[in-house]
Full PDB file with SEQRES, HELIX, SHEET, SSBOND, CRYST1, ORIGX, SCALE, CONECT and MASTER records, all heavy atoms in Angstrom:
SEQRES   1 A   29  MET LEU LYS SER ILE VAL GLY ARG VAL ARG PRO TYR GLU          
SEQRES   2 A   29  VAL VAL SER GLY LEU GLN ARG VAL GLY ASN ALA GLU THR          
SEQRES   3 A   29  ASP THR SER                                                  
HELIX    1 AA1 LEU A    2  VAL A    6  1                                   5    
HELIX    2 AA2 PRO A   11  GLU A   13  5                                   3    
CRYST1    1.000    1.000    1.000  90.00  90.00  90.00 P 1           1          
ORIGX1      1.000000  0.000000  0.000000        0.00000                         
ORIGX2      0.000000  1.000000  0.000000        0.00000                         
ORIGX3      0.000000  0.000000  1.000000        0.00000                         
SCALE1      1.000000  0.000000  0.000000        0.00000                         
SCALE2      0.000000  1.000000  0.000000        0.00000                         
SCALE3      0.000000  0.000000  1.000000        0.00000                         
ATOM      1  N   MET A   1       0.818  -1.149   0.007  1.00  0.00           N  
ATOM      2  CA  MET A   1       0.018   0.029   0.014  1.00  0.00           C  
ATOM      3  C   MET A   1       0.856   1.281  -0.014  1.00  0.00           C  
ATOM      4  O   MET A   1       0.805   2.012  -0.978  1.00  0.00           O  
ATOM      5  CB  MET A   1      -0.967  -0.015   1.190  1.00  0.00           C  
ATOM      6  CG  MET A   1      -2.094  -1.092   1.071  1.00  0.00           C  
ATOM      7  SD  MET A   1      -3.052  -1.209   2.621  1.00  0.00           S  
ATOM      8  CE  MET A   1      -3.475   0.520   2.971  1.00  0.00           C  
ATOM      9  N   LEU A   2       1.626   1.500   1.088  1.00  0.00           N  
ATOM     10  CA  LEU A   2       2.268   2.838   1.249  1.00  0.00           C  
ATOM     11  C   LEU A   2       3.315   3.086   0.188  1.00  0.00           C  
ATOM     12  O   LEU A   2       3.457   4.196  -0.356  1.00  0.00           O  
ATOM     13  CB  LEU A   2       2.884   2.899   2.663  1.00  0.00           C  
ATOM     14  CG  LEU A   2       1.825   3.057   3.745  1.00  0.00           C  
ATOM     15  CD1 LEU A   2       2.660   3.144   5.082  1.00  0.00           C  
ATOM     16  CD2 LEU A   2       1.023   4.315   3.593  1.00  0.00           C  
ATOM     17  N   LYS A   3       4.070   2.108  -0.160  1.00  0.00           N  
ATOM     18  CA  LYS A   3       5.220   2.261  -1.256  1.00  0.00           C  
ATOM     19  C   LYS A   3       4.459   2.673  -2.559  1.00  0.00           C  
ATOM     20  O   LYS A   3       4.961   3.532  -3.302  1.00  0.00           O  
ATOM     21  CB  LYS A   3       5.920   1.022  -1.454  1.00  0.00           C  
ATOM     22  CG  LYS A   3       7.095   0.873  -0.391  1.00  0.00           C  
ATOM     23  CD  LYS A   3       8.017  -0.313  -0.698  1.00  0.00           C  
ATOM     24  CE  LYS A   3       9.065  -0.470   0.294  1.00  0.00           C  
ATOM     25  NZ  LYS A   3      10.236   0.422  -0.032  1.00  0.00           N  
ATOM     26  N   SER A   4       3.327   2.000  -2.846  1.00  0.00           N  
ATOM     27  CA  SER A   4       2.606   2.365  -4.090  1.00  0.00           C  
ATOM     28  C   SER A   4       2.033   3.727  -4.078  1.00  0.00           C  
ATOM     29  O   SER A   4       2.070   4.494  -5.061  1.00  0.00           O  
ATOM     30  CB  SER A   4       1.509   1.410  -4.349  1.00  0.00           C  
ATOM     31  OG  SER A   4       2.067  -0.020  -4.447  1.00  0.00           O  
ATOM     32  N   ILE A   5       1.395   4.050  -2.938  1.00  0.00           N  
ATOM     33  CA  ILE A   5       0.742   5.390  -2.817  1.00  0.00           C  
ATOM     34  C   ILE A   5       1.731   6.580  -2.799  1.00  0.00           C  
ATOM     35  O   ILE A   5       1.600   7.562  -3.584  1.00  0.00           O  
ATOM     36  CB  ILE A   5      -0.135   5.397  -1.523  1.00  0.00           C  
ATOM     37  CG1 ILE A   5      -1.321   4.469  -1.655  1.00  0.00           C  
ATOM     38  CG2 ILE A   5      -0.579   6.829  -1.267  1.00  0.00           C  
ATOM     39  CD1 ILE A   5      -2.071   4.259  -0.319  1.00  0.00           C  
ATOM     40  N   VAL A   6       2.841   6.419  -2.069  1.00  0.00           N  
ATOM     41  CA  VAL A   6       3.792   7.555  -1.876  1.00  0.00           C  
ATOM     42  C   VAL A   6       4.739   7.612  -3.073  1.00  0.00           C  
ATOM     43  O   VAL A   6       4.973   8.719  -3.649  1.00  0.00           O  
ATOM     44  CB  VAL A   6       4.556   7.407  -0.596  1.00  0.00           C  
ATOM     45  CG1 VAL A   6       5.598   8.499  -0.471  1.00  0.00           C  
ATOM     46  CG2 VAL A   6       3.561   7.452   0.609  1.00  0.00           C  
ATOM     47  N   GLY A   7       5.265   6.476  -3.491  1.00  0.00           N  
ATOM     48  CA  GLY A   7       6.194   6.457  -4.668  1.00  0.00           C  
ATOM     49  C   GLY A   7       7.454   7.334  -4.531  1.00  0.00           C  
ATOM     50  O   GLY A   7       7.911   7.909  -5.511  1.00  0.00           O  
ATOM     51  N   ARG A   8       8.011   7.348  -3.325  1.00  0.00           N  
ATOM     52  CA  ARG A   8       9.149   8.219  -3.094  1.00  0.00           C  
ATOM     53  C   ARG A   8      10.401   7.643  -3.764  1.00  0.00           C  
ATOM     54  O   ARG A   8      10.729   6.425  -3.621  1.00  0.00           O  
ATOM     55  CB  ARG A   8       9.410   8.331  -1.575  1.00  0.00           C  
ATOM     56  CG  ARG A   8      10.440   9.362  -1.219  1.00  0.00           C  
ATOM     57  CD  ARG A   8      10.603   9.528   0.285  1.00  0.00           C  
ATOM     58  NE  ARG A   8      11.179  10.706   0.652  1.00  0.00           N  
ATOM     59  CZ  ARG A   8      11.551  11.037   1.887  1.00  0.00           C  
ATOM     60  NH1 ARG A   8      11.336  10.186   2.909  1.00  0.00           N  
ATOM     61  NH2 ARG A   8      12.144  12.163   2.273  1.00  0.00           N  
ATOM     62  N   VAL A   9      11.179   8.471  -4.458  1.00  0.00           N  
ATOM     63  CA  VAL A   9      12.446   7.942  -5.216  1.00  0.00           C  
ATOM     64  C   VAL A   9      13.506   7.696  -4.090  1.00  0.00           C  
ATOM     65  O   VAL A   9      13.570   8.415  -3.091  1.00  0.00           O  
ATOM     66  CB  VAL A   9      12.823   9.088  -6.143  1.00  0.00           C  
ATOM     67  CG1 VAL A   9      14.131   8.709  -6.874  1.00  0.00           C  
ATOM     68  CG2 VAL A   9      11.745   9.377  -7.216  1.00  0.00           C  
ATOM     69  N   ARG A  10      14.315   6.750  -4.346  1.00  0.00           N  
ATOM     70  CA  ARG A  10      15.423   6.475  -3.508  1.00  0.00           C  
ATOM     71  C   ARG A  10      16.340   7.642  -3.381  1.00  0.00           C  
ATOM     72  O   ARG A  10      16.637   8.355  -4.273  1.00  0.00           O  
ATOM     73  CB  ARG A  10      16.254   5.266  -4.014  1.00  0.00           C  
ATOM     74  CG  ARG A  10      15.420   3.950  -3.971  1.00  0.00           C  
ATOM     75  CD  ARG A  10      15.440   3.282  -2.701  1.00  0.00           C  
ATOM     76  NE  ARG A  10      14.568   2.106  -2.708  1.00  0.00           N  
ATOM     77  CZ  ARG A  10      14.435   1.293  -1.618  1.00  0.00           C  
ATOM     78  NH1 ARG A  10      15.121   1.555  -0.540  1.00  0.00           N  
ATOM     79  NH2 ARG A  10      13.621   0.271  -1.719  1.00  0.00           N  
ATOM     80  N   PRO A  11      16.959   7.887  -2.150  1.00  0.00           N  
ATOM     81  CA  PRO A  11      17.767   9.033  -1.809  1.00  0.00           C  
ATOM     82  C   PRO A  11      19.049   9.083  -2.720  1.00  0.00           C  
ATOM     83  O   PRO A  11      19.374  10.248  -3.151  1.00  0.00           O  
ATOM     84  CB  PRO A  11      18.129   8.920  -0.427  1.00  0.00           C  
ATOM     85  CG  PRO A  11      17.817   7.531   0.045  1.00  0.00           C  
ATOM     86  CD  PRO A  11      16.722   7.028  -0.935  1.00  0.00           C  
ATOM     87  N   TYR A  12      19.694   8.033  -3.036  1.00  0.00           N  
ATOM     88  CA  TYR A  12      20.908   8.110  -3.799  1.00  0.00           C  
ATOM     89  C   TYR A  12      20.612   8.525  -5.246  1.00  0.00           C  
ATOM     90  O   TYR A  12      21.562   8.909  -5.938  1.00  0.00           O  
ATOM     91  CB  TYR A  12      21.573   6.665  -3.797  1.00  0.00           C  
ATOM     92  CG  TYR A  12      20.693   5.512  -4.275  1.00  0.00           C  
ATOM     93  CD1 TYR A  12      20.606   5.340  -5.677  1.00  0.00           C  
ATOM     94  CD2 TYR A  12      20.158   4.620  -3.407  1.00  0.00           C  
ATOM     95  CE1 TYR A  12      19.782   4.263  -6.092  1.00  0.00           C  
ATOM     96  CE2 TYR A  12      19.394   3.545  -3.810  1.00  0.00           C  
ATOM     97  CZ  TYR A  12      19.226   3.385  -5.183  1.00  0.00           C  
ATOM     98  OH  TYR A  12      18.434   2.313  -5.624  1.00  0.00           O  
ATOM     99  N   GLU A  13      19.361   8.597  -5.632  1.00  0.00           N  
ATOM    100  CA  GLU A  13      19.014   9.054  -6.978  1.00  0.00           C  
ATOM    101  C   GLU A  13      18.822  10.539  -7.011  1.00  0.00           C  
ATOM    102  O   GLU A  13      18.838  11.154  -8.139  1.00  0.00           O  
ATOM    103  CB  GLU A  13      17.724   8.359  -7.590  1.00  0.00           C  
ATOM    104  CG  GLU A  13      17.960   6.801  -7.736  1.00  0.00           C  
ATOM    105  CD  GLU A  13      16.725   6.135  -8.215  1.00  0.00           C  
ATOM    106  OE1 GLU A  13      15.701   6.868  -8.650  1.00  0.00           O  
ATOM    107  OE2 GLU A  13      16.667   4.887  -8.195  1.00  0.00           O  
ATOM    108  N   VAL A  14      18.550  11.177  -5.886  1.00  0.00           N  
ATOM    109  CA  VAL A  14      18.262  12.607  -5.921  1.00  0.00           C  
ATOM    110  C   VAL A  14      19.015  13.467  -4.973  1.00  0.00           C  
ATOM    111  O   VAL A  14      19.169  14.683  -5.231  1.00  0.00           O  
ATOM    112  CB  VAL A  14      16.671  12.818  -5.545  1.00  0.00           C  
ATOM    113  CG1 VAL A  14      15.865  12.290  -6.728  1.00  0.00           C  
ATOM    114  CG2 VAL A  14      16.296  12.149  -4.304  1.00  0.00           C  
ATOM    115  N   VAL A  15      19.642  12.886  -3.932  1.00  0.00           N  
ATOM    116  CA  VAL A  15      20.431  13.718  -3.011  1.00  0.00           C  
ATOM    117  C   VAL A  15      21.769  13.990  -3.577  1.00  0.00           C  
ATOM    118  O   VAL A  15      22.583  13.041  -3.769  1.00  0.00           O  
ATOM    119  CB  VAL A  15      20.471  13.039  -1.631  1.00  0.00           C  
ATOM    120  CG1 VAL A  15      21.420  13.907  -0.653  1.00  0.00           C  
ATOM    121  CG2 VAL A  15      19.122  12.842  -1.064  1.00  0.00           C  
ATOM    122  N   SER A  16      22.052  15.271  -3.802  1.00  0.00           N  
ATOM    123  CA  SER A  16      23.399  15.596  -4.393  1.00  0.00           C  
ATOM    124  C   SER A  16      24.513  15.200  -3.550  1.00  0.00           C  
ATOM    125  O   SER A  16      24.545  15.500  -2.317  1.00  0.00           O  
ATOM    126  CB  SER A  16      23.358  17.144  -4.594  1.00  0.00           C  
ATOM    127  OG  SER A  16      24.548  17.483  -5.107  1.00  0.00           O  
ATOM    128  N   GLY A  17      25.496  14.423  -4.111  1.00  0.00           N  
ATOM    129  CA  GLY A  17      26.711  14.061  -3.409  1.00  0.00           C  
ATOM    130  C   GLY A  17      26.516  12.696  -2.694  1.00  0.00           C  
ATOM    131  O   GLY A  17      27.507  12.147  -2.203  1.00  0.00           O  
ATOM    132  N   LEU A  18      25.333  12.170  -2.506  1.00  0.00           N  
ATOM    133  CA  LEU A  18      25.099  10.897  -1.840  1.00  0.00           C  
ATOM    134  C   LEU A  18      25.447   9.683  -2.746  1.00  0.00           C  
ATOM    135  O   LEU A  18      24.952   9.613  -3.853  1.00  0.00           O  
ATOM    136  CB  LEU A  18      23.658  10.744  -1.302  1.00  0.00           C  
ATOM    137  CG  LEU A  18      23.307   9.539  -0.483  1.00  0.00           C  
ATOM    138  CD1 LEU A  18      24.113   9.545   0.792  1.00  0.00           C  
ATOM    139  CD2 LEU A  18      21.874   9.350  -0.304  1.00  0.00           C  
ATOM    140  N   GLN A  19      26.274   8.844  -2.237  1.00  0.00           N  
ATOM    141  CA  GLN A  19      26.584   7.580  -2.915  1.00  0.00           C  
ATOM    142  C   GLN A  19      26.061   6.428  -2.114  1.00  0.00           C  
ATOM    143  O   GLN A  19      26.327   6.440  -0.930  1.00  0.00           O  
ATOM    144  CB  GLN A  19      28.119   7.467  -3.131  1.00  0.00           C  
ATOM    145  CG  GLN A  19      28.589   8.604  -4.054  1.00  0.00           C  
ATOM    146  CD  GLN A  19      30.142   8.522  -4.235  1.00  0.00           C  
ATOM    147  OE1 GLN A  19      30.820   7.913  -3.357  1.00  0.00           O  
ATOM    148  NE2 GLN A  19      30.654   9.142  -5.261  1.00  0.00           N  
ATOM    149  N   ARG A  20      25.451   5.491  -2.770  1.00  0.00           N  
ATOM    150  CA  ARG A  20      24.981   4.298  -2.048  1.00  0.00           C  
ATOM    151  C   ARG A  20      26.089   3.278  -1.852  1.00  0.00           C  
ATOM    152  O   ARG A  20      27.086   3.323  -2.595  1.00  0.00           O  
ATOM    153  CB  ARG A  20      23.811   3.676  -2.742  1.00  0.00           C  
ATOM    154  CG  ARG A  20      24.167   2.911  -4.003  1.00  0.00           C  
ATOM    155  CD  ARG A  20      23.048   2.175  -4.652  1.00  0.00           C  
ATOM    156  NE  ARG A  20      23.570   1.333  -5.722  1.00  0.00           N  
ATOM    157  CZ  ARG A  20      23.627   1.783  -6.954  1.00  0.00           C  
ATOM    158  NH1 ARG A  20      23.362   3.098  -7.317  1.00  0.00           N  
ATOM    159  NH2 ARG A  20      24.143   1.021  -7.858  1.00  0.00           N  
ATOM    160  N   VAL A  21      26.003   2.448  -0.891  1.00  0.00           N  
ATOM    161  CA  VAL A  21      26.912   1.313  -0.680  1.00  0.00           C  
ATOM    162  C   VAL A  21      26.107   0.132  -1.131  1.00  0.00           C  
ATOM    163  O   VAL A  21      25.045  -0.240  -0.569  1.00  0.00           O  
ATOM    164  CB  VAL A  21      27.307   1.263   0.809  1.00  0.00           C  
ATOM    165  CG1 VAL A  21      28.211  -0.015   1.076  1.00  0.00           C  
ATOM    166  CG2 VAL A  21      28.026   2.532   1.281  1.00  0.00           C  
ATOM    167  N   GLY A  22      26.667  -0.665  -2.015  1.00  0.00           N  
ATOM    168  CA  GLY A  22      25.969  -1.921  -2.481  1.00  0.00           C  
ATOM    169  C   GLY A  22      25.067  -1.665  -3.668  1.00  0.00           C  
ATOM    170  O   GLY A  22      25.148  -0.666  -4.302  1.00  0.00           O  
ATOM    171  N   ASN A  23      24.230  -2.626  -3.897  1.00  0.00           N  
ATOM    172  CA  ASN A  23      23.397  -2.635  -5.044  1.00  0.00           C  
ATOM    173  C   ASN A  23      22.207  -1.600  -5.037  1.00  0.00           C  
ATOM    174  O   ASN A  23      21.796  -1.221  -3.943  1.00  0.00           O  
ATOM    175  CB  ASN A  23      22.783  -3.971  -5.360  1.00  0.00           C  
ATOM    176  CG  ASN A  23      23.838  -5.058  -5.611  1.00  0.00           C  
ATOM    177  OD1 ASN A  23      24.877  -4.732  -6.129  1.00  0.00           O  
ATOM    178  ND2 ASN A  23      23.550  -6.208  -5.117  1.00  0.00           N  
ATOM    179  N   ALA A  24      21.728  -1.179  -6.199  1.00  0.00           N  
ATOM    180  CA  ALA A  24      20.615  -0.304  -6.211  1.00  0.00           C  
ATOM    181  C   ALA A  24      19.359  -1.111  -5.957  1.00  0.00           C  
ATOM    182  O   ALA A  24      19.276  -2.338  -6.148  1.00  0.00           O  
ATOM    183  CB  ALA A  24      20.462   0.257  -7.711  1.00  0.00           C  
ATOM    184  N   GLU A  25      18.359  -0.449  -5.412  1.00  0.00           N  
ATOM    185  CA  GLU A  25      17.094  -1.084  -5.060  1.00  0.00           C  
ATOM    186  C   GLU A  25      16.125  -0.942  -6.247  1.00  0.00           C  
ATOM    187  O   GLU A  25      16.233   0.024  -7.019  1.00  0.00           O  
ATOM    188  CB  GLU A  25      16.438  -0.474  -3.822  1.00  0.00           C  
ATOM    189  CG  GLU A  25      17.426  -0.435  -2.628  1.00  0.00           C  
ATOM    190  CD  GLU A  25      17.460  -1.842  -1.927  1.00  0.00           C  
ATOM    191  OE1 GLU A  25      16.509  -2.631  -2.055  1.00  0.00           O  
ATOM    192  OE2 GLU A  25      18.462  -2.097  -1.233  1.00  0.00           O  
ATOM    193  N   THR A  26      15.198  -1.892  -6.386  1.00  0.00           N  
ATOM    194  CA  THR A  26      14.286  -1.825  -7.439  1.00  0.00           C  
ATOM    195  C   THR A  26      12.891  -1.244  -7.179  1.00  0.00           C  
ATOM    196  O   THR A  26      12.143  -0.912  -8.144  1.00  0.00           O  
ATOM    197  CB  THR A  26      14.087  -3.264  -8.063  1.00  0.00           C  
ATOM    198  OG1 THR A  26      13.578  -4.089  -7.006  1.00  0.00           O  
ATOM    199  CG2 THR A  26      15.344  -3.872  -8.572  1.00  0.00           C  
ATOM    200  N   ASP A  27      12.595  -1.025  -5.951  1.00  0.00           N  
ATOM    201  CA  ASP A  27      11.308  -0.431  -5.558  1.00  0.00           C  
ATOM    202  C   ASP A  27      11.478   0.971  -5.011  1.00  0.00           C  
ATOM    203  O   ASP A  27      12.550   1.534  -5.092  1.00  0.00           O  
ATOM    204  CB  ASP A  27      10.495  -1.335  -4.596  1.00  0.00           C  
ATOM    205  CG  ASP A  27      11.257  -1.537  -3.308  1.00  0.00           C  
ATOM    206  OD1 ASP A  27      12.419  -1.166  -3.173  1.00  0.00           O  
ATOM    207  OD2 ASP A  27      10.700  -2.080  -2.398  1.00  0.00           O  
ATOM    208  N   THR A  28      10.383   1.513  -4.508  1.00  0.00           N  
ATOM    209  CA  THR A  28      10.375   2.859  -4.049  1.00  0.00           C  
ATOM    210  C   THR A  28      10.882   2.917  -2.632  1.00  0.00           C  
ATOM    211  O   THR A  28      10.994   1.916  -1.905  1.00  0.00           O  
ATOM    212  CB  THR A  28       8.988   3.589  -4.155  1.00  0.00           C  
ATOM    213  OG1 THR A  28       8.057   2.688  -3.505  1.00  0.00           O  
ATOM    214  CG2 THR A  28       8.572   3.707  -5.611  1.00  0.00           C  
ATOM    215  N   SER A  29      11.133   4.108  -2.051  1.00  0.00           N  
ATOM    216  CA  SER A  29      11.784   4.244  -0.857  1.00  0.00           C  
ATOM    217  C   SER A  29      10.941   4.333   0.423  1.00  0.00           C  
ATOM    218  O   SER A  29      11.336   3.807   1.506  1.00  0.00           O  
ATOM    219  CB  SER A  29      12.607   5.600  -0.931  1.00  0.00           C  
ATOM    220  OG  SER A  29      13.482   5.735   0.215  1.00  0.00           O  
TER     221      SER A  29                                                      
MASTER        0    0    0    2    0    0    0    6  220    1    0    3          
END                                                                             
């Protein structure tokens, strides 16, 4: 429910300078 309704993009995709550790996630945040 909530992931579908909110649909927030993962932070590493939008926060300037943020790098993720490990693999990218396939769903919303």
